[in-house]
Amino acid sequence: MSEWGTHATPVRVRTRPRWRLRLELHLLRWVLVAAACAGLLAAARVTVFPPRPIRDVEPPSPSLDPAVAGFATLFARAYLDWTADDPAAQQRALAPFLATEVDPGAGFTPSASGTQQVLWTQVVQQRDVGASERVDTLAVETDRLGLIYLTVDVTRESNGRLALARYPGIVGAPATAPSSMNADAALAPVRDGPLATVVQRALGNYLDGDAGDLAADLAPTARVALPAPRLTLTGVSSLRWGHPGESVFAQVQASDPSGASYTLEYEVDVESLDGRWVVLAIGVDPDGSLS
């Protein structure tokens, strides 16, 4: 007998029931069908409802709180309005803003001579520094020191009352940049002659306070509040599209009854109605929203 024959590995044959083989084949087929259906559903979902790109959401800037702004404005007036002849007057004016244990002058001692009067105040910035605390920056014009920028930290207590959180600060002005007044230069000029005529005529009647003639160029739904004092339109520098077919920015020249002249700019909302241009709004909506 050969060497190959003496070392042959025995072959074992195992039998399995036919029903079991059929069951395994059916299960495999259903698994493949389920996987294919899941893939089709996923593709359909992405097609119908594509994933939205992830964007960095900036926290909303705080809206102006009129109560806090009013509190800060009244405090700034009481704080910076004084006369050396009656030093207690400033302390009496500040008393409603201060607790009894706080310096009655809120840390400020006026000069031994002279006076200072606040001419006007304006909140120019407001920012949150906590859940119930805001810092207002005010521009305060005084007759002695000129324009001052003052920060006033206001907190709202648990009972809803406003209170001064800490001493005020005298700070620098908010950052500003000079304007060349040519922001509309990149906008497309209006080349529609009939539209230009309507806008110019409507602005002339609007500035002159002529409601009767103005009505001829207004849409039936338009609401316009006429300005005061009456002005005379003396020229139109430019007409440019704000939103083509919807609004026009008009830069014009006008004069008042005293002879003073102005360069003014208006956004005029327009629409084409039955083949002619009509005006929807000029400058502002009388209901209070910008046009």
C-alpha atoms as a PDB file:
ATOM      1  CA  MET A   1       0.000   0.000   0.000  1.00  0.00           C
ATOM      2  CA  SER A   2       1.323   3.455  -0.860  1.00  0.00           C
ATOM      3  CA  GLU A   3       2.352   6.074   1.693  1.00  0.00           C
ATOM      4  CA  TRP A   4      -0.548   8.298   0.588  1.00  0.00           C
ATOM      5  CA  GLY A   5      -3.068   5.603   1.265  1.00  0.00           C
ATOM      6  CA  THR A   6      -1.838   4.898   4.767  1.00  0.00           C
ATOM      7  CA  HIS A   7      -2.280   8.518   5.943  1.00  0.00           C
ATOM      8  CA  ALA A   8      -5.647   9.335   4.328  1.00  0.00           C
ATOM      9  CA  THR A   9      -8.024  11.454   6.488  1.00  0.00           C
ATOM     10  CA  PRO A  10     -11.446   9.916   6.904  1.00  0.00           C
ATOM     11  CA  VAL A  11     -14.359  11.880   5.436  1.00  0.00           C
ATOM     12  CA  ARG A  12     -17.419  12.313   7.603  1.00  0.00           C
ATOM     13  CA  VAL A  13     -20.820  12.975   6.080  1.00  0.00           C
ATOM     14  CA  ARG A  14     -23.417  14.780   8.212  1.00  0.00           C
ATOM     15  CA  THR A  15     -27.035  14.795   7.263  1.00  0.00           C
ATOM     16  CA  ARG A  16     -29.408  17.757   7.974  1.00  0.00           C
ATOM     17  CA  PRO A  17     -33.166  17.838   7.596  1.00  0.00           C
ATOM     18  CA  ARG A  18     -34.420  19.466   4.414  1.00  0.00           C
ATOM     19  CA  TRP A  19     -36.917  21.646   6.305  1.00  0.00           C
ATOM     20  CA  ARG A  20     -34.090  23.182   8.304  1.00  0.00           C
ATOM     21  CA  LEU A  21     -32.120  24.098   5.184  1.00  0.00           C
ATOM     22  CA  ARG A  22     -35.230  25.714   3.692  1.00  0.00           C
ATOM     23  CA  LEU A  23     -35.863  27.686   6.906  1.00  0.00           C
ATOM     24  CA  GLU A  24     -32.288  29.013   6.994  1.00  0.00           C
ATOM     25  CA  LEU A  25     -32.523  30.073   3.348  1.00  0.00           C
ATOM     26  CA  HIS A  26     -35.850  31.854   3.974  1.00  0.00           C
ATOM     27  CA  LEU A  27     -34.435  33.678   7.025  1.00  0.00           C
ATOM     28  CA  LEU A  28     -31.362  34.804   5.071  1.00  0.00           C
ATOM     29  CA  ARG A  29     -33.548  36.118   2.267  1.00  0.00           C
ATOM     30  CA  TRP A  30     -35.755  38.118   4.673  1.00  0.00           C
ATOM     31  CA  VAL A  31     -32.709  39.590   6.387  1.00  0.00           C
ATOM     32  CA  LEU A  32     -31.405  40.808   3.015  1.00  0.00           C
ATOM     33  CA  VAL A  33     -34.830  42.222   2.059  1.00  0.00           C
ATOM     34  CA  ALA A  34     -35.135  44.056   5.412  1.00  0.00           C
ATOM     35  CA  ALA A  35     -31.641  45.553   5.029  1.00  0.00           C
ATOM     36  CA  ALA A  36     -32.453  46.737   1.491  1.00  0.00           C
ATOM     37  CA  CYS A  37     -35.743  48.327   2.656  1.00  0.00           C
ATOM     38  CA  ALA A  38     -33.988  50.102   5.514  1.00  0.00           C
ATOM     39  CA  GLY A  39     -31.451  51.529   3.071  1.00  0.00           C
ATOM     40  CA  LEU A  40     -34.194  52.735   0.711  1.00  0.00           C
ATOM     41  CA  LEU A  41     -36.099  54.390   3.576  1.00  0.00           C
ATOM     42  CA  ALA A  42     -32.962  56.144   4.809  1.00  0.00           C
ATOM     43  CA  ALA A  43     -32.193  57.432   1.301  1.00  0.00           C
ATOM     44  CA  ALA A  44     -35.782  58.642   0.878  1.00  0.00           C
ATOM     45  CA  ARG A  45     -35.698  60.465   4.219  1.00  0.00           C
ATOM     46  CA  VAL A  46     -32.473  62.289   3.312  1.00  0.00           C
ATOM     47  CA  THR A  47     -33.999  63.271  -0.034  1.00  0.00           C
ATOM     48  CA  VAL A  48     -37.262  64.576   1.397  1.00  0.00           C
ATOM     49  CA  PHE A  49     -35.856  65.970   4.675  1.00  0.00           C
ATOM     50  CA  PRO A  50     -32.188  66.831   4.035  1.00  0.00           C
ATOM     51  CA  PRO A  51     -30.125  67.363   7.183  1.00  0.00           C
ATOM     52  CA  ARG A  52     -29.765  70.983   8.203  1.00  0.00           C
ATOM     53  CA  PRO A  53     -26.260  72.380   8.483  1.00  0.00           C
ATOM     54  CA  ILE A  54     -25.063  72.980  12.005  1.00  0.00           C
ATOM     55  CA  ARG A  55     -24.685  76.700  12.624  1.00  0.00           C
ATOM     56  CA  ASP A  56     -23.178  78.555  15.491  1.00  0.00           C
ATOM     57  CA  VAL A  57     -26.093  80.394  17.050  1.00  0.00           C
ATOM     58  CA  GLU A  58     -25.159  83.706  18.581  1.00  0.00           C
ATOM     59  CA  PRO A  59     -27.015  84.613  21.756  1.00  0.00           C
ATOM     60  CA  PRO A  60     -29.629  87.284  21.033  1.00  0.00           C
ATOM     61  CA  SER A  61     -28.630  90.802  21.965  1.00  0.00           C
ATOM     62  CA  PRO A  62     -30.719  92.204  24.798  1.00  0.00           C
ATOM     63  CA  SER A  63     -33.625  94.379  23.751  1.00  0.00           C
ATOM     64  CA  LEU A  64     -33.894  97.808  25.307  1.00  0.00           C
ATOM     65  CA  ASP A  65     -35.681  97.651  28.654  1.00  0.00           C
ATOM     66  CA  PRO A  66     -37.588 100.977  28.959  1.00  0.00           C
ATOM     67  CA  ALA A  67     -37.894 100.686  32.741  1.00  0.00           C
ATOM     68  CA  VAL A  68     -34.147 100.170  33.224  1.00  0.00           C
ATOM     69  CA  ALA A  69     -33.357 102.915  30.696  1.00  0.00           C
ATOM     70  CA  GLY A  70     -35.687 105.323  32.500  1.00  0.00           C
ATOM     71  CA  PHE A  71     -34.191 104.485  35.899  1.00  0.00           C
ATOM     72  CA  ALA A  72     -30.645 104.993  34.590  1.00  0.00           C
ATOM     73  CA  THR A  73     -31.591 108.281  32.907  1.00  0.00           C
ATOM     74  CA  LEU A  74     -33.208 109.720  36.029  1.00  0.00           C
ATOM     75  CA  PHE A  75     -30.235 108.644  38.143  1.00  0.00           C
ATOM     76  CA  ALA A  76     -27.744 110.253  35.721  1.00  0.00           C
ATOM     77  CA  ARG A  77     -29.609 113.570  35.914  1.00  0.00           C
ATOM     78  CA  ALA A  78     -29.742 113.497  39.724  1.00  0.00           C
ATOM     79  CA  TYR A  79     -26.078 112.482  39.905  1.00  0.00           C
ATOM     80  CA  LEU A  80     -24.617 115.132  37.589  1.00  0.00           C
ATOM     81  CA  ASP A  81     -26.994 118.063  38.203  1.00  0.00           C
ATOM     82  CA  TRP A  82     -25.766 120.161  41.138  1.00  0.00           C
ATOM     83  CA  THR A  83     -25.198 123.656  42.537  1.00  0.00           C
ATOM     84  CA  ALA A  84     -22.578 124.635  45.105  1.00  0.00           C
ATOM     85  CA  ASP A  85     -25.019 127.021  46.821  1.00  0.00           C
ATOM     86  CA  ASP A  86     -27.299 124.101  47.736  1.00  0.00           C
ATOM     87  CA  PRO A  87     -25.173 120.937  48.051  1.00  0.00           C
ATOM     88  CA  ALA A  88     -28.014 119.095  49.804  1.00  0.00           C
ATOM     89  CA  ALA A  89     -30.193 119.424  46.684  1.00  0.00           C
ATOM     90  CA  GLN A  90     -28.162 116.782  44.854  1.00  0.00           C
ATOM     91  CA  GLN A  91     -28.425 114.412  47.817  1.00  0.00           C
ATOM     92  CA  ARG A  92     -32.194 114.880  47.975  1.00  0.00           C
ATOM     93  CA  ALA A  93     -32.451 114.113  44.263  1.00  0.00           C
ATOM     94  CA  LEU A  94     -30.329 110.963  44.700  1.00  0.00           C
ATOM     95  CA  ALA A  95     -32.109 109.706  47.828  1.00  0.00           C
ATOM     96  CA  PRO A  96     -34.762 107.621  45.971  1.00  0.00           C
ATOM     97  CA  PHE A  97     -31.998 105.660  44.246  1.00  0.00           C
ATOM     98  CA  LEU A  98     -29.824 104.881  47.299  1.00  0.00           C
ATOM     99  CA  ALA A  99     -30.081 102.775  50.431  1.00  0.00           C
ATOM    100  CA  THR A 100     -29.618 104.574  53.733  1.00  0.00           C
ATOM    101  CA  GLU A 101     -26.176 103.039  54.351  1.00  0.00           C
ATOM    102  CA  VAL A 102     -24.815 104.247  50.992  1.00  0.00           C
ATOM    103  CA  ASP A 103     -22.920 107.502  50.504  1.00  0.00           C
ATOM    104  CA  PRO A 104     -25.734 110.063  49.980  1.00  0.00           C
ATOM    105  CA  GLY A 105     -23.898 111.498  46.982  1.00  0.00           C
ATOM    106  CA  ALA A 106     -23.366 108.054  45.389  1.00  0.00           C
ATOM    107  CA  GLY A 107     -19.622 108.618  45.739  1.00  0.00           C
ATOM    108  CA  PHE A 108     -19.635 112.073  44.117  1.00  0.00           C
ATOM    109  CA  THR A 109     -18.851 115.331  45.928  1.00  0.00           C
ATOM    110  CA  PRO A 110     -19.528 118.424  43.796  1.00  0.00           C
ATOM    111  CA  SER A 111     -17.137 121.344  43.551  1.00  0.00           C
ATOM    112  CA  ALA A 112     -17.220 123.980  46.299  1.00  0.00           C
ATOM    113  CA  SER A 113     -18.231 126.624  43.755  1.00  0.00           C
ATOM    114  CA  GLY A 114     -20.202 126.872  40.583  1.00  0.00           C
ATOM    115  CA  THR A 115     -23.022 124.770  39.165  1.00  0.00           C
ATOM    116  CA  GLN A 116     -23.566 121.997  36.639  1.00  0.00           C
ATOM    117  CA  GLN A 117     -26.744 121.409  34.702  1.00  0.00           C
ATOM    118  CA  VAL A 118     -27.630 118.335  32.660  1.00  0.00           C
ATOM    119  CA  LEU A 119     -28.899 119.480  29.272  1.00  0.00           C
ATOM    120  CA  TRP A 120     -29.937 116.078  27.877  1.00  0.00           C
ATOM    121  CA  THR A 121     -29.336 112.360  28.282  1.00  0.00           C
ATOM    122  CA  GLN A 122     -29.558 109.410  25.895  1.00  0.00           C
ATOM    123  CA  VAL A 123     -29.077 105.670  26.460  1.00  0.00           C
ATOM    124  CA  VAL A 124     -26.567 104.546  23.827  1.00  0.00           C
ATOM    125  CA  GLN A 125     -25.872 100.987  24.964  1.00  0.00           C
ATOM    126  CA  GLN A 126     -27.427  98.358  27.217  1.00  0.00           C
ATOM    127  CA  ARG A 127     -25.914  94.977  28.097  1.00  0.00           C
ATOM    128  CA  ASP A 128     -26.719  92.108  30.433  1.00  0.00           C
ATOM    129  CA  VAL A 129     -24.279  91.230  33.207  1.00  0.00           C
ATOM    130  CA  GLY A 130     -26.474  88.685  34.972  1.00  0.00           C
ATOM    131  CA  ALA A 131     -29.930  87.197  35.069  1.00  0.00           C
ATOM    132  CA  SER A 132     -31.394  90.325  36.680  1.00  0.00           C
ATOM    133  CA  GLU A 133     -28.728  92.983  36.141  1.00  0.00           C
ATOM    134  CA  ARG A 134     -28.069  95.359  33.267  1.00  0.00           C
ATOM    135  CA  VAL A 135     -25.530  98.080  32.608  1.00  0.00           C
ATOM    136  CA  ASP A 136     -26.711 101.126  30.685  1.00  0.00           C
ATOM    137  CA  THR A 137     -24.239 103.455  29.003  1.00  0.00           C
ATOM    138  CA  LEU A 138     -25.626 106.972  28.721  1.00  0.00           C
ATOM    139  CA  ALA A 139     -24.480 110.003  26.791  1.00  0.00           C
ATOM    140  CA  VAL A 140     -24.989 112.978  29.132  1.00  0.00           C
ATOM    141  CA  GLU A 141     -24.521 116.541  27.891  1.00  0.00           C
ATOM    142  CA  THR A 142     -23.638 118.990  30.661  1.00  0.00           C
ATOM    143  CA  ASP A 143     -23.120 122.750  30.535  1.00  0.00           C
ATOM    144  CA  ARG A 144     -19.889 122.516  32.564  1.00  0.00           C
ATOM    145  CA  LEU A 145     -17.974 119.431  31.371  1.00  0.00           C
ATOM    146  CA  GLY A 146     -19.607 118.943  27.987  1.00  0.00           C
ATOM    147  CA  LEU A 147     -20.473 115.437  26.808  1.00  0.00           C
ATOM    148  CA  ILE A 148     -19.932 112.650  29.363  1.00  0.00           C
ATOM    149  CA  TYR A 149     -20.487 108.902  28.928  1.00  0.00           C
ATOM    150  CA  LEU A 150     -21.724 107.333  32.152  1.00  0.00           C
ATOM    151  CA  THR A 151     -22.358 103.664  32.981  1.00  0.00           C
ATOM    152  CA  VAL A 152     -25.207 102.915  35.392  1.00  0.00           C
ATOM    153  CA  ASP A 153     -25.543  99.362  36.742  1.00  0.00           C
ATOM    154  CA  VAL A 154     -29.184  98.533  37.485  1.00  0.00           C
ATOM    155  CA  THR A 155     -30.489  95.369  39.156  1.00  0.00           C
ATOM    156  CA  ARG A 156     -34.043  94.127  39.432  1.00  0.00           C
ATOM    157  CA  GLU A 157     -34.756  92.797  42.921  1.00  0.00           C
ATOM    158  CA  SER A 158     -36.938  89.775  43.721  1.00  0.00           C
ATOM    159  CA  ASN A 159     -39.941  92.026  44.334  1.00  0.00           C
ATOM    160  CA  GLY A 160     -39.557  93.580  40.867  1.00  0.00           C
ATOM    161  CA  ARG A 161     -38.147  96.913  42.041  1.00  0.00           C
ATOM    162  CA  LEU A 162     -35.176  98.465  40.278  1.00  0.00           C
ATOM    163  CA  ALA A 163     -32.113  99.430  42.284  1.00  0.00           C
ATOM    164  CA  LEU A 164     -28.609 100.778  41.727  1.00  0.00           C
ATOM    165  CA  ALA A 165     -26.228  97.810  41.887  1.00  0.00           C
ATOM    166  CA  ARG A 166     -22.915  99.670  42.308  1.00  0.00           C
ATOM    167  CA  TYR A 167     -21.248 103.038  41.823  1.00  0.00           C
ATOM    168  CA  PRO A 168     -21.479 104.547  38.316  1.00  0.00           C
ATOM    169  CA  GLY A 169     -18.525 104.834  35.981  1.00  0.00           C
ATOM    170  CA  ILE A 170     -17.334 107.570  33.622  1.00  0.00           C
ATOM    171  CA  VAL A 171     -16.247 105.814  30.415  1.00  0.00           C
ATOM    172  CA  GLY A 172     -15.202 106.440  26.850  1.00  0.00           C
ATOM    173  CA  ALA A 173     -17.612 106.779  23.961  1.00  0.00           C
ATOM    174  CA  PRO A 174     -18.841 103.723  22.043  1.00  0.00           C
ATOM    175  CA  ALA A 175     -16.823 103.033  18.885  1.00  0.00           C
ATOM    176  CA  THR A 176     -17.999 104.921  15.816  1.00  0.00           C
ATOM    177  CA  ALA A 177     -16.831 105.284  12.222  1.00  0.00           C
ATOM    178  CA  PRO A 178     -17.238 108.174   9.785  1.00  0.00           C
ATOM    179  CA  SER A 179     -19.812 107.742   7.032  1.00  0.00           C
ATOM    180  CA  SER A 180     -19.360 108.890   3.457  1.00  0.00           C
ATOM    181  CA  MET A 181     -23.188 108.872   2.994  1.00  0.00           C
ATOM    182  CA  ASN A 182     -22.911 106.737  -0.156  1.00  0.00           C
ATOM    183  CA  ALA A 183     -24.330 103.463   1.157  1.00  0.00           C
ATOM    184  CA  ASP A 184     -26.803 103.344  -1.741  1.00  0.00           C
ATOM    185  CA  ALA A 185     -24.159 103.844  -4.430  1.00  0.00           C
ATOM    186  CA  ALA A 186     -23.987 100.104  -5.134  1.00  0.00           C
ATOM    187  CA  LEU A 187     -27.758  99.827  -5.647  1.00  0.00           C
ATOM    188  CA  ALA A 188     -29.117  99.701  -9.186  1.00  0.00           C
ATOM    189  CA  PRO A 189     -30.435 103.036 -10.454  1.00  0.00           C
ATOM    190  CA  VAL A 190     -34.108 103.317 -11.367  1.00  0.00           C
ATOM    191  CA  ARG A 191     -34.335 103.566 -15.163  1.00  0.00           C
ATOM    192  CA  ASP A 192     -38.124 103.325 -15.387  1.00  0.00           C
ATOM    193  CA  GLY A 193     -39.268 106.792 -16.472  1.00  0.00           C
ATOM    194  CA  PRO A 194     -42.914 106.535 -15.345  1.00  0.00           C
ATOM    195  CA  LEU A 195     -41.838 105.196 -11.951  1.00  0.00           C
ATOM    196  CA  ALA A 196     -39.315 108.018 -11.477  1.00  0.00           C
ATOM    197  CA  THR A 197     -42.046 110.548 -12.313  1.00  0.00           C
ATOM    198  CA  VAL A 198     -44.467 109.022  -9.795  1.00  0.00           C
ATOM    199  CA  VAL A 199     -41.876 108.888  -7.002  1.00  0.00           C
ATOM    200  CA  GLN A 200     -40.721 112.475  -7.578  1.00  0.00           C
ATOM    201  CA  ARG A 201     -44.286 113.820  -7.781  1.00  0.00           C
ATOM    202  CA  ALA A 202     -45.381 111.868  -4.698  1.00  0.00           C
ATOM    203  CA  LEU A 203     -42.401 113.092  -2.660  1.00  0.00           C
ATOM    204  CA  GLY A 204     -43.057 116.695  -3.727  1.00  0.00           C
ATOM    205  CA  ASN A 205     -46.676 116.498  -2.579  1.00  0.00           C
ATOM    206  CA  TYR A 206     -45.670 114.581   0.568  1.00  0.00           C
ATOM    207  CA  LEU A 207     -43.112 117.174   1.682  1.00  0.00           C
ATOM    208  CA  ASP A 208     -45.484 120.031   0.838  1.00  0.00           C
ATOM    209  CA  GLY A 209     -48.259 118.442   2.903  1.00  0.00           C
ATOM    210  CA  ASP A 210     -50.609 118.292  -0.093  1.00  0.00           C
ATOM    211  CA  ALA A 211     -52.744 115.270   0.833  1.00  0.00           C
ATOM    212  CA  GLY A 212     -55.178 115.764  -2.062  1.00  0.00           C
ATOM    213  CA  ASP A 213     -52.617 115.642  -4.865  1.00  0.00           C
ATOM    214  CA  LEU A 214     -50.602 112.950  -3.075  1.00  0.00           C
ATOM    215  CA  ALA A 215     -53.651 110.670  -2.969  1.00  0.00           C
ATOM    216  CA  ALA A 216     -53.591 110.415  -6.767  1.00  0.00           C
ATOM    217  CA  ASP A 217     -50.308 108.477  -6.583  1.00  0.00           C
ATOM    218  CA  LEU A 218     -51.163 106.310  -3.556  1.00  0.00           C
ATOM    219  CA  ALA A 219     -52.380 102.726  -3.598  1.00  0.00           C
ATOM    220  CA  PRO A 220     -55.904 102.246  -2.171  1.00  0.00           C
ATOM    221  CA  THR A 221     -54.425 100.545   0.908  1.00  0.00           C
ATOM    222  CA  ALA A 222     -51.629 103.092   1.475  1.00  0.00           C
ATOM    223  CA  ARG A 223     -51.402 105.033   4.728  1.00  0.00           C
ATOM    224  CA  VAL A 224     -49.073 108.031   4.861  1.00  0.00           C
ATOM    225  CA  ALA A 225     -48.520 110.535   7.672  1.00  0.00           C
ATOM    226  CA  LEU A 226     -47.541 113.949   6.325  1.00  0.00           C
ATOM    227  CA  PRO A 227     -44.465 115.604   7.869  1.00  0.00           C
ATOM    228  CA  ALA A 228     -44.340 118.909   9.696  1.00  0.00           C
ATOM    229  CA  PRO A 229     -43.180 121.515   8.953  1.00  0.00           C
ATOM    230  CA  ARG A 230     -44.003 121.664   5.279  1.00  0.00           C
ATOM    231  CA  LEU A 231     -41.014 121.530   2.954  1.00  0.00           C
ATOM    232  CA  THR A 232     -40.493 122.363  -0.713  1.00  0.00           C
ATOM    233  CA  LEU A 233     -38.847 119.751  -2.938  1.00  0.00           C
ATOM    234  CA  THR A 234     -36.037 121.492  -4.828  1.00  0.00           C
ATOM    235  CA  GLY A 235     -34.293 118.557  -6.493  1.00  0.00           C
ATOM    236  CA  VAL A 236     -33.774 114.797  -6.769  1.00  0.00           C
ATOM    237  CA  SER A 237     -30.176 113.548  -6.590  1.00  0.00           C
ATOM    238  CA  SER A 238     -30.767 109.835  -7.128  1.00  0.00           C
ATOM    239  CA  LEU A 239     -33.392 107.119  -7.330  1.00  0.00           C
ATOM    240  CA  ARG A 240     -32.119 103.597  -6.669  1.00  0.00           C
ATOM    241  CA  TRP A 241     -33.798 100.267  -6.161  1.00  0.00           C
ATOM    242  CA  GLY A 242     -33.903  99.029  -2.590  1.00  0.00           C
ATOM    243  CA  HIS A 243     -35.798  95.888  -3.591  1.00  0.00           C
ATOM    244  CA  PRO A 244     -36.424  95.837  -7.363  1.00  0.00           C
ATOM    245  CA  GLY A 245     -40.107  96.233  -8.074  1.00  0.00           C
ATOM    246  CA  GLU A 246     -40.899  96.877  -4.406  1.00  0.00           C
ATOM    247  CA  SER A 247     -39.030  99.852  -2.929  1.00  0.00           C
ATOM    248  CA  VAL A 248     -36.992 102.838  -4.095  1.00  0.00           C
ATOM    249  CA  PHE A 249     -34.417 104.853  -2.150  1.00  0.00           C
ATOM    250  CA  ALA A 250     -34.782 108.504  -3.115  1.00  0.00           C
ATOM    251  CA  GLN A 251     -32.195 111.143  -2.193  1.00  0.00           C
ATOM    252  CA  VAL A 252     -33.684 114.614  -2.529  1.00  0.00           C
ATOM    253  CA  GLN A 253     -33.078 118.252  -1.701  1.00  0.00           C
ATOM    254  CA  ALA A 254     -35.689 120.343   0.091  1.00  0.00           C
ATOM    255  CA  SER A 255     -36.030 123.702   1.803  1.00  0.00           C
ATOM    256  CA  ASP A 256     -38.175 124.941   4.683  1.00  0.00           C
ATOM    257  CA  PRO A 257     -40.099 128.240   4.928  1.00  0.00           C
ATOM    258  CA  SER A 258     -37.101 129.984   6.531  1.00  0.00           C
ATOM    259  CA  GLY A 259     -34.910 129.177   3.521  1.00  0.00           C
ATOM    260  CA  ALA A 260     -32.822 126.454   5.226  1.00  0.00           C
ATOM    261  CA  SER A 261     -31.967 123.583   2.912  1.00  0.00           C
ATOM    262  CA  TYR A 262     -31.750 119.842   3.560  1.00  0.00           C
ATOM    263  CA  THR A 263     -30.494 116.744   1.795  1.00  0.00           C
ATOM    264  CA  LEU A 264     -32.940 114.003   2.755  1.00  0.00           C
ATOM    265  CA  GLU A 265     -33.420 110.348   1.913  1.00  0.00           C
ATOM    266  CA  TYR A 266     -36.615 108.312   1.804  1.00  0.00           C
ATOM    267  CA  GLU A 267     -37.529 104.700   1.193  1.00  0.00           C
ATOM    268  CA  VAL A 268     -40.629 104.670  -0.991  1.00  0.00           C
ATOM    269  CA  ASP A 269     -42.543 101.389  -1.233  1.00  0.00           C
ATOM    270  CA  VAL A 270     -44.144 100.965  -4.655  1.00  0.00           C
ATOM    271  CA  GLU A 271     -46.091  98.436  -6.710  1.00  0.00           C
ATOM    272  CA  SER A 272     -47.410  98.151 -10.228  1.00  0.00           C
ATOM    273  CA  LEU A 273     -51.200  98.251 -10.145  1.00  0.00           C
ATOM    274  CA  ASP A 274     -53.235  97.843 -13.359  1.00  0.00           C
ATOM    275  CA  GLY A 275     -50.251  98.891 -15.454  1.00  0.00           C
ATOM    276  CA  ARG A 276     -49.281 101.981 -13.447  1.00  0.00           C
ATOM    277  CA  TRP A 277     -46.972 102.595 -10.507  1.00  0.00           C
ATOM    278  CA  VAL A 278     -48.503 103.551  -7.170  1.00  0.00           C
ATOM    279  CA  VAL A 279     -46.975 104.348  -3.782  1.00  0.00           C
ATOM    280  CA  LEU A 280     -47.621 102.100  -0.765  1.00  0.00           C
ATOM    281  CA  ALA A 281     -45.641 103.958   1.906  1.00  0.00           C
ATOM    282  CA  ILE A 282     -43.120 106.774   2.347  1.00  0.00           C
ATOM    283  CA  GLY A 283     -40.480 106.629   5.058  1.00  0.00           C
ATOM    284  CA  VAL A 284     -42.510 105.195   7.941  1.00  0.00           C
ATOM    285  CA  ASP A 285     -45.743 103.368   8.560  1.00  0.00           C
ATOM    286  CA  PRO A 286     -48.119 105.577  10.601  1.00  0.00           C
ATOM    287  CA  ASP A 287     -48.981 102.502  12.672  1.00  0.00           C
ATOM    288  CA  GLY A 288     -45.471 102.646  14.086  1.00  0.00           C
ATOM    289  CA  SER A 289     -43.350 100.196  12.069  1.00  0.00           C
ATOM    290  CA  LEU A 290     -40.722 101.123   9.536  1.00  0.00           C
ATOM    291  CA  SER A 291     -41.740 100.694   5.945  1.00  0.00           C
END
